[in-house]
Structure formats: structure tokens, C-alpha cells
């Protein structure tokens, strides 16, 4: 039986489009008040999962339950309006001929007029748009329109909120502001939320847990820190930012690299592997000497670029075979060493991972 303590539960959900298996047997639960992000590249199946949860696609296999009640599977296939879900899409889908208040109250037709007005006023206040009830969508900024869409989805007090790339239509600076507001609104309302995004930084900012998808399956599900610091695969490690890849062989429980040995727990002796080091896992200059628990290697600066909050330094270090290993190091703040200058470099072991070679990325 479905667990009533779970706001949204998916069990062994599968979906095909002709010969393409878009969703290949995924299971996931979202607790009341929890925000879970479905993350992954285009075409991985994340939007299909969301549409199945909403009832916008018929469930072919598996089971979906909301607040302990089966809404799809086991002979059930309830339409979206009977599932107790709120939906926010990337295009907002506001009615241009209706005021903000009427847009928000559109799904509250079963209420008495006075109760409907109170509910609209309450949710507009939650999204800081209490003074805009009489305005029309074309009079609002993109961020305000997004908040109206969120308010409209919240107005019927849904058990679950489903967000499909809700911030992708906003410019970068506005996106940061609006998603921060949306996070606080959703958490203060205590609504279980499942959100689709392709942006790893956005997922880490918004989510209590991330479900990273690949080819219709969950590659890893867990808190953002777990996926970042303990990735289950090369795909997971690489999805959360640039990595430096170094081939090697396991010997004595570790892998020898031009930057020193890296531990390889659980991998067979003699196994061909790939060492992945996050760009911020390379310690340069004084940090390499003072902060490293691993050996320090010499490196030549090829280029250095300020990227705002961080600097990106291109490096070359001898690869031990007569050539150079090209590395990227990301350093907080302004750090722009001169081209051709020499720097010591070391590895932060918490940001270095070892996976078997030859597996698809």
C-alpha cells in the first residue's frame, strides 16, 4: 500500500514513445515540505516523469501515488485536476485577457466569492504581489509573471507542486532573484515539490535532494553534497562541473598520477582507471604547499582568466611520458599568474575520484 507520509510516490514507472524507452523503471518519493530536483541533460526523460506525475501523460507501467492515494496504476488514471497538484511551466501560461487576481483565482471556481477573494489575496501576499491584483500580465516584468504563475498553482492548496524549468525564460540576474524567492515561498508553505531543471547549479541551490537522470534512469539520487563529493559514476562527477581526467592503473590500492598518488578504494589491482579531479580540487601556489596532504608537482601557466567570483588557470605539467598534461584549475577570487610562470600544484583528495576506464560517459 502507498505510504500516507509520502506526498508523491513513483514506483517502477516506465514510459515509451514508439520504440524509445523514455523512462525506464524509476522509483522516487517526495516528502511533505521537501523539494526534489529532477536533473539531467536534454532528452534524458525528466520532463516525461513530471508529466506522468501530473497526469498529462497516461501511465503505461508502474504506480503513482499522491498523499497516500494511488492516482495512476492499479486501475486508476486520474486527470490532472483531480490529483491535487499545482503546475508551473517555463512559459508561465498566464491568460493575457485576465487580471492577475483572476489568473490566480482561475482554479478556485468551487469556492464562494468572498472565500475566493481571500484565498487570492493570501497567495498574492505570499509572492509579494498583493498590490498587483488588478494589473494584467503584459504590465508585469518576467519575474513578476513567474510569481503570478507560482501563486496560481499554489492557490488551490495542492498536495504537490510540479515545476518544469520554471526559471529558464528569465535572464541570468533575474533568474537568481526569482528562484531565491520561489524557494522561500515553497519552503514556508511546506508543499512537496518536484522540479525539473537541466542546470546543475540551480538544482544544488533549490533542492533538498537531486535525482540525476540519464537515458531514462536515475544515475544517482541524494542530497546535493552527496552527488558532488561522492559521485556514483563518471557521468555524475562530470555533470556538476569541469573535471581534469587522468588515465592510470591501480597498484597497491592507489593510482599514480603526475600530481601524486590518488586512493582507489574498492578497485581491483591492475585495473585500468580514470582519475577525475575537479578544477577547484587543484591547489596552486602557496595553497599547494601549505594546504595539501599530497605531493606537490611543478606546473607551467598557459593562461589565466578572471571569471568573476573565480579565476580559471590553464596549466601544463609533465605527464611522465615525455609530454604535458593540460589541466584547468579554478581558484576563488582574483588569481592571475603570468603566462609561462611556474607554480606548484597539488590535489585536494576530497575532490578527486577514480572510476573504471572504458565505461561510457
Protein backbone atom coordinates (compact mmCIF):
# COMPACT_ATOMS: atom_id res chain seq x y z
CA UNK A 1 0.00 0.00 0.00
CA UNK A 2 1.19 3.58 -0.63
CA UNK A 3 2.68 5.40 2.37
CA UNK A 4 0.42 8.25 3.51
CA UNK A 5 3.52 10.05 4.89
CA UNK A 6 4.84 10.42 1.32
CA UNK A 7 3.40 13.35 -0.61
CA UNK A 8 4.40 11.95 -4.02
CA UNK A 9 5.48 8.39 -4.73
CA UNK A 10 6.56 6.85 -8.03
CA UNK A 11 7.19 3.11 -8.20
CA UNK A 12 8.81 1.35 -11.17
CA UNK A 13 7.43 3.91 -13.62
CA UNK A 14 8.07 3.19 -17.29
CA UNK A 15 7.07 5.05 -20.44
CA UNK A 16 7.73 4.54 -24.15
CA UNK A 17 7.37 6.76 -27.18
CA UNK A 18 7.16 4.20 -30.00
CA UNK A 19 10.50 2.35 -29.76
CA UNK A 20 12.15 4.85 -27.40
CA UNK A 21 12.05 3.95 -23.72
CA UNK A 22 11.95 7.48 -22.28
CA UNK A 23 11.52 6.37 -18.65
CA UNK A 24 13.00 3.02 -17.70
CA UNK A 25 11.64 1.87 -14.34
CA UNK A 26 12.25 4.79 -11.97
CA UNK A 27 11.14 4.96 -8.34
CA UNK A 28 11.15 8.14 -6.28
CA UNK A 29 9.40 9.62 -3.24
CA UNK A 30 8.95 13.25 -2.19
CA UNK A 31 8.10 14.01 1.43
CA UNK A 32 5.83 16.86 2.56
CA UNK A 33 7.84 20.08 2.54
CA UNK A 34 10.69 18.51 0.55
CA UNK A 35 11.98 19.93 -2.74
CA UNK A 36 13.42 17.35 -5.13
CA UNK A 37 15.01 18.33 -8.43
CA UNK A 38 14.93 16.09 -11.50
CA UNK A 39 18.22 16.98 -13.15
CA UNK A 40 19.76 15.79 -16.39
CA UNK A 41 20.64 16.59 -19.99
CA UNK A 42 18.03 17.19 -22.69
CA UNK A 43 16.20 14.02 -23.68
CA UNK A 44 17.00 12.06 -20.50
CA UNK A 45 13.32 11.64 -19.53
CA UNK A 46 12.98 14.12 -16.68
CA UNK A 47 10.07 16.12 -18.18
CA UNK A 48 8.28 12.87 -19.04
CA UNK A 49 8.49 11.84 -15.36
CA UNK A 50 6.98 15.18 -14.36
CA UNK A 51 4.18 14.89 -16.94
CA UNK A 52 3.38 11.37 -15.74
CA UNK A 53 3.16 12.61 -12.15
CA UNK A 54 0.85 15.42 -13.29
CA UNK A 55 -1.40 13.16 -15.33
CA UNK A 56 -0.51 14.90 -18.61
CA UNK A 57 0.73 11.57 -19.99
CA UNK A 58 -1.08 8.25 -19.44
CA UNK A 59 0.88 5.89 -17.20
CA UNK A 60 1.93 2.78 -19.13
CA UNK A 61 3.62 0.83 -16.33
CA UNK A 62 4.18 1.32 -12.62
CA UNK A 63 2.29 3.23 -9.96
CA UNK A 64 1.97 6.86 -8.87
CA UNK A 65 0.51 7.88 -5.51
CA UNK A 66 -0.19 11.33 -4.08
CA UNK A 67 -0.75 11.77 -0.33
CA UNK A 68 -1.13 8.02 0.09
CA UNK A 69 -3.71 7.54 -2.67
CA UNK A 70 -2.99 5.84 -5.98
CA UNK A 71 -3.72 8.24 -8.85
CA UNK A 72 -2.22 6.17 -11.68
CA UNK A 73 -1.78 2.42 -11.92
CA UNK A 74 -3.76 -0.37 -10.28
CA UNK A 75 -6.75 0.50 -12.48
CA UNK A 76 -6.55 4.23 -11.67
CA UNK A 77 -5.79 7.07 -14.09
CA UNK A 78 -7.00 10.31 -12.54
CA UNK A 79 -6.88 13.51 -14.64
CA UNK A 80 -4.63 16.38 -13.54
CA UNK A 81 -7.44 18.38 -11.94
CA UNK A 82 -8.24 15.50 -9.56
CA UNK A 83 -4.67 14.78 -8.47
CA UNK A 84 -4.18 17.72 -6.11
CA UNK A 85 -1.11 19.02 -7.93
CA UNK A 86 -0.03 22.53 -8.86
CA UNK A 87 1.73 23.03 -12.19
CA UNK A 88 4.17 25.75 -13.25
CA UNK A 89 5.66 25.64 -16.75
CA UNK A 90 8.56 27.54 -18.26
CA UNK A 91 6.26 29.75 -20.38
CA UNK A 92 4.07 30.63 -17.32
CA UNK A 93 0.88 30.12 -19.45
CA UNK A 94 -0.93 33.15 -17.99
CA UNK A 95 -4.21 34.27 -19.53
CA UNK A 96 -3.46 37.66 -21.14
CA UNK A 97 -7.10 38.84 -21.02
CA UNK A 98 -7.45 38.18 -17.27
CA UNK A 99 -6.13 40.32 -14.44
CA UNK A 100 -3.52 38.96 -12.07
CA UNK A 101 -6.20 38.28 -9.46
CA UNK A 102 -8.40 36.45 -11.95
CA UNK A 103 -5.42 34.43 -13.20
CA UNK A 104 -4.62 33.34 -9.65
CA UNK A 105 -8.25 32.57 -8.87
CA UNK A 106 -8.92 30.68 -12.08
CA UNK A 107 -8.78 27.27 -10.41
CA UNK A 108 -10.91 28.27 -7.42
CA UNK A 109 -14.31 28.17 -9.07
CA UNK A 110 -15.80 25.87 -6.43
CA UNK A 111 -15.39 28.47 -3.67
CA UNK A 112 -17.79 31.19 -2.59
CA UNK A 113 -16.83 34.61 -3.96
CA UNK A 114 -15.68 36.02 -0.60
CA UNK A 115 -13.60 32.92 0.15
CA UNK A 116 -12.11 33.01 -3.34
CA UNK A 117 -11.08 36.64 -2.91
CA UNK A 118 -9.45 35.91 0.45
CA UNK A 119 -7.51 32.98 -0.99
CA UNK A 120 -6.28 35.05 -3.95
CA UNK A 121 -5.20 37.86 -1.64
CA UNK A 122 -3.38 35.41 0.62
CA UNK A 123 -1.30 33.76 -2.10
CA UNK A 124 -0.52 37.09 -3.81
CA UNK A 125 0.80 38.33 -0.47
CA UNK A 126 2.97 35.19 -0.21
CA UNK A 127 4.65 36.01 -3.53
CA UNK A 128 4.84 39.75 -2.74
CA UNK A 129 2.33 40.83 -5.38
CA UNK A 130 -0.52 41.97 -3.14
CA UNK A 131 -0.71 45.34 -4.93
CA UNK A 132 -0.97 43.83 -8.42
CA UNK A 133 -4.33 42.03 -8.31
CA UNK A 134 -5.88 44.42 -10.86
CA UNK A 135 -2.87 44.51 -13.20
CA UNK A 136 -2.65 42.44 -16.39
CA UNK A 137 0.19 40.09 -17.33
CA UNK A 138 1.58 42.36 -20.06
CA UNK A 139 2.11 45.07 -17.44
CA UNK A 140 4.41 42.87 -15.37
CA UNK A 141 8.08 42.00 -15.63
CA UNK A 142 9.15 38.45 -16.41
CA UNK A 143 9.95 37.83 -12.76
CA UNK A 144 6.54 39.11 -11.66
CA UNK A 145 4.81 36.91 -14.24
CA UNK A 146 6.68 33.91 -12.89
CA UNK A 147 5.48 34.73 -9.38
CA UNK A 148 1.90 35.02 -10.64
CA UNK A 149 2.21 31.56 -12.21
CA UNK A 150 3.51 30.22 -8.88
CA UNK A 151 0.67 31.90 -6.98
CA UNK A 152 -1.93 30.46 -9.36
CA UNK A 153 -0.51 26.95 -8.84
CA UNK A 154 -0.50 27.43 -5.04
CA UNK A 155 -3.99 28.92 -4.76
CA UNK A 156 -5.91 25.59 -4.57
CA UNK A 157 -3.54 24.41 -1.79
CA UNK A 158 -2.16 21.42 -3.74
CA UNK A 159 -0.54 18.42 -2.09
CA UNK A 160 2.33 18.56 -4.60
CA UNK A 161 3.90 21.27 -6.76
CA UNK A 162 5.35 20.28 -10.13
CA UNK A 163 7.71 22.80 -11.76
CA UNK A 164 9.01 22.33 -15.32
CA UNK A 165 12.09 24.51 -15.97
CA UNK A 166 10.27 27.41 -14.25
CA UNK A 167 13.15 29.90 -14.44
CA UNK A 168 14.66 29.10 -17.84
CA UNK A 169 12.91 32.01 -19.61
CA UNK A 170 14.46 34.64 -17.34
CA UNK A 171 17.79 36.40 -17.79
CA UNK A 172 20.64 35.33 -15.51
CA UNK A 173 20.42 38.06 -12.86
CA UNK A 174 16.62 37.92 -12.64
CA UNK A 175 16.70 34.12 -12.52
CA UNK A 176 18.81 34.20 -9.34
CA UNK A 177 16.43 36.63 -7.65
CA UNK A 178 13.23 34.84 -8.64
CA UNK A 179 14.38 31.32 -7.79
CA UNK A 180 15.50 32.57 -4.37
CA UNK A 181 12.01 33.98 -3.78
CA UNK A 182 10.35 30.81 -5.09
CA UNK A 183 12.46 28.62 -2.81
CA UNK A 184 11.45 30.56 0.29
CA UNK A 185 7.77 30.64 -0.73
CA UNK A 186 7.64 26.88 -1.34
CA UNK A 187 9.53 26.01 1.84
CA UNK A 188 7.43 28.33 4.00
CA UNK A 189 4.25 26.85 2.50
CA UNK A 190 5.51 23.32 3.27
CA UNK A 191 4.50 22.00 -0.15
CA UNK A 192 6.18 18.88 -1.53
CA UNK A 193 7.82 19.98 -4.78
CA UNK A 194 9.23 18.13 -7.78
CA UNK A 195 11.14 20.43 -10.11
CA UNK A 196 12.72 19.76 -13.50
CA UNK A 197 15.92 21.56 -14.46
CA UNK A 198 18.94 20.96 -16.69
CA UNK A 199 21.10 23.40 -14.69
CA UNK A 200 23.29 21.70 -12.01
CA UNK A 201 23.87 24.95 -10.10
CA UNK A 202 20.15 25.65 -10.00
CA UNK A 203 19.45 22.13 -8.75
CA UNK A 204 22.03 22.48 -5.99
CA UNK A 205 20.59 25.86 -5.00
CA UNK A 206 16.96 24.69 -4.90
CA UNK A 207 16.98 21.03 -3.91
CA UNK A 208 16.93 19.09 -0.67
CA UNK A 209 17.66 16.07 -2.88
CA UNK A 210 18.63 15.70 -6.53
CA UNK A 211 17.62 12.83 -8.81
CA UNK A 212 20.14 12.91 -11.66
CA UNK A 213 18.75 11.20 -14.76
CA UNK A 214 20.48 9.64 -17.72
CA UNK A 215 18.81 7.76 -20.57
CA UNK A 216 15.56 7.27 -18.69
CA UNK A 217 17.12 6.05 -15.43
CA UNK A 218 18.28 7.62 -12.19
CA UNK A 219 22.06 7.65 -12.14
CA UNK A 220 22.17 8.82 -8.51
CA UNK A 221 19.66 10.23 -6.01
CA UNK A 222 20.68 12.08 -2.88
CA UNK A 223 21.45 15.43 -1.25
CA UNK A 224 23.46 17.84 -3.43
CA UNK A 225 26.57 17.41 -1.27
CA UNK A 226 26.48 13.64 -1.76
CA UNK A 227 26.34 13.87 -5.55
CA UNK A 228 29.09 16.46 -5.58
CA UNK A 229 31.54 14.90 -3.12
CA UNK A 230 30.62 11.22 -3.56
CA UNK A 231 29.58 10.78 -7.19
CA UNK A 232 28.46 7.27 -8.11
CA UNK A 233 29.84 7.41 -11.66
CA UNK A 234 31.95 9.38 -14.06
CA UNK A 235 28.75 10.84 -15.52
CA UNK A 236 27.68 12.20 -12.13
CA UNK A 237 31.12 13.65 -11.39
CA UNK A 238 31.32 15.39 -14.75
CA UNK A 239 27.77 16.74 -14.69
CA UNK A 240 28.46 19.05 -11.76
CA UNK A 241 31.34 20.92 -13.33
CA UNK A 242 34.55 20.59 -15.25
CA UNK A 243 36.90 17.77 -14.28
CA UNK A 244 40.51 17.01 -15.17
CA UNK A 245 40.75 13.42 -16.44
CA UNK A 246 43.95 11.40 -15.99
CA UNK A 247 44.26 7.73 -17.07
CA UNK A 248 46.04 5.30 -14.80
CA UNK A 249 46.34 1.82 -13.29
CA UNK A 250 45.52 0.65 -9.78
CA UNK A 251 48.57 -0.54 -7.85
CA UNK A 252 48.60 -1.07 -4.11
CA UNK A 253 45.17 0.48 -3.67
CA UNK A 254 46.05 3.73 -5.39
CA UNK A 255 46.71 5.29 -8.79
CA UNK A 256 49.97 7.03 -9.62
CA UNK A 257 49.43 10.35 -11.45
CA UNK A 258 51.72 13.25 -12.42
CA UNK A 259 50.18 15.06 -9.44
CA UNK A 260 50.89 12.29 -6.98
CA UNK A 261 49.03 9.14 -5.92
CA UNK A 262 45.23 9.08 -5.59
CA UNK A 263 43.46 6.47 -3.46
CA UNK A 264 41.38 3.90 -5.39
CA UNK A 265 39.32 2.04 -2.77
CA UNK A 266 37.30 -0.94 -3.96
CA UNK A 267 39.01 -1.26 -7.35
CA UNK A 268 40.94 -4.37 -8.37
CA UNK A 269 44.70 -4.46 -8.52
CA UNK A 270 45.89 -3.75 -12.06
CA UNK A 271 42.55 -2.27 -13.17
CA UNK A 272 42.68 0.42 -15.84
CA UNK A 273 41.01 3.51 -14.42
CA UNK A 274 40.40 7.20 -14.93
CA UNK A 275 41.16 9.72 -12.21
CA UNK A 276 38.82 12.73 -12.22
CA UNK A 277 39.84 15.86 -10.34
CA UNK A 278 37.50 18.82 -10.07
CA UNK A 279 39.04 22.07 -11.29
CA UNK A 280 38.65 23.57 -7.80
CA UNK A 281 40.38 20.45 -6.44
CA UNK A 282 43.74 21.66 -7.77
CA UNK A 283 45.61 23.72 -5.19
CA UNK A 284 48.05 26.26 -6.59
CA UNK A 285 50.98 28.27 -5.28
CA UNK A 286 51.12 28.76 -1.52
CA UNK A 287 47.93 26.76 -1.04
CA UNK A 288 49.56 23.77 -2.71
CA UNK A 289 52.49 23.92 -0.36
CA UNK A 290 50.60 24.74 2.83
CA UNK A 291 47.22 23.06 2.41
CA UNK A 292 47.92 19.78 0.66
CA UNK A 293 48.23 16.33 2.12
CA UNK A 294 49.52 15.05 -1.24
CA UNK A 295 52.80 15.65 -3.08
CA UNK A 296 53.39 18.93 -4.87
CA UNK A 297 54.13 18.92 -8.61
CA UNK A 298 55.55 21.71 -10.83
CA UNK A 299 53.25 23.33 -13.41
CA UNK A 300 53.60 25.99 -16.09
CA UNK A 301 50.91 28.63 -16.53
CA UNK A 302 49.46 28.64 -20.05
CA UNK A 303 46.77 31.28 -19.45
CA UNK A 304 44.75 32.82 -16.63
CA UNK A 305 41.28 34.38 -16.90
CA UNK A 306 39.12 36.17 -14.34
CA UNK A 307 35.56 34.76 -14.40
CA UNK A 308 34.09 36.98 -11.70
CA UNK A 309 33.88 35.04 -8.45
CA UNK A 310 36.71 32.75 -9.55
CA UNK A 311 39.77 32.69 -11.76
CA UNK A 312 40.44 29.91 -14.26
CA UNK A 313 44.10 28.98 -14.70
CA UNK A 314 45.27 26.78 -17.60
CA UNK A 315 48.29 24.70 -16.64
CA UNK A 316 50.72 22.23 -18.14
CA UNK A 317 52.62 19.71 -16.05
CA UNK A 318 54.90 16.87 -17.21
CA UNK A 319 52.86 13.71 -17.82
CA UNK A 320 55.77 11.35 -17.13
CA UNK A 321 55.82 10.11 -20.73
CA UNK A 322 57.73 12.98 -22.33
CA UNK A 323 54.71 15.19 -22.90
CA UNK A 324 52.49 17.59 -20.97
CA UNK A 325 49.24 17.11 -19.13
CA UNK A 326 46.85 20.04 -19.69
CA UNK A 327 44.94 21.00 -16.54
CA UNK A 328 42.32 23.57 -15.55
CA UNK A 329 42.35 24.98 -12.02
CA UNK A 330 39.56 27.17 -10.63
CA UNK A 331 40.66 29.49 -7.83
CA UNK A 332 38.42 31.74 -5.69
CA UNK A 333 38.70 35.48 -6.34
CA UNK A 334 41.34 37.23 -8.41
CA UNK A 335 44.32 34.98 -9.11
CA UNK A 336 46.04 35.77 -12.41
CA UNK A 337 49.60 34.46 -12.53
CA UNK A 338 51.67 35.50 -15.54
CA UNK A 339 51.84 33.24 -18.57
CA UNK A 340 54.86 30.92 -18.58
CA UNK A 341 55.35 31.38 -14.84
CA UNK A 342 55.91 28.30 -12.68
CA UNK A 343 53.55 27.22 -9.90
CA UNK A 344 53.44 24.28 -7.53
CA UNK A 345 50.20 22.29 -7.84
CA UNK A 346 48.67 19.67 -5.54
CA UNK A 347 45.39 17.77 -5.27
CA UNK A 348 42.63 18.10 -2.70
CA UNK A 349 41.80 14.39 -2.20
CA UNK A 350 38.15 15.14 -1.33
CA UNK A 351 37.69 16.38 -4.91
CA UNK A 352 39.45 13.53 -6.70
CA UNK A 353 37.54 10.41 -7.82
CA UNK A 354 38.57 7.16 -9.50
CA UNK A 355 36.34 5.15 -11.86
CA UNK A 356 36.96 2.14 -14.11
CA UNK A 357 38.14 3.11 -17.58
CA UNK A 358 36.21 2.21 -20.71
CA UNK A 359 32.71 2.88 -19.43
CA UNK A 360 30.54 5.23 -21.48
CA UNK A 361 30.44 8.83 -20.24
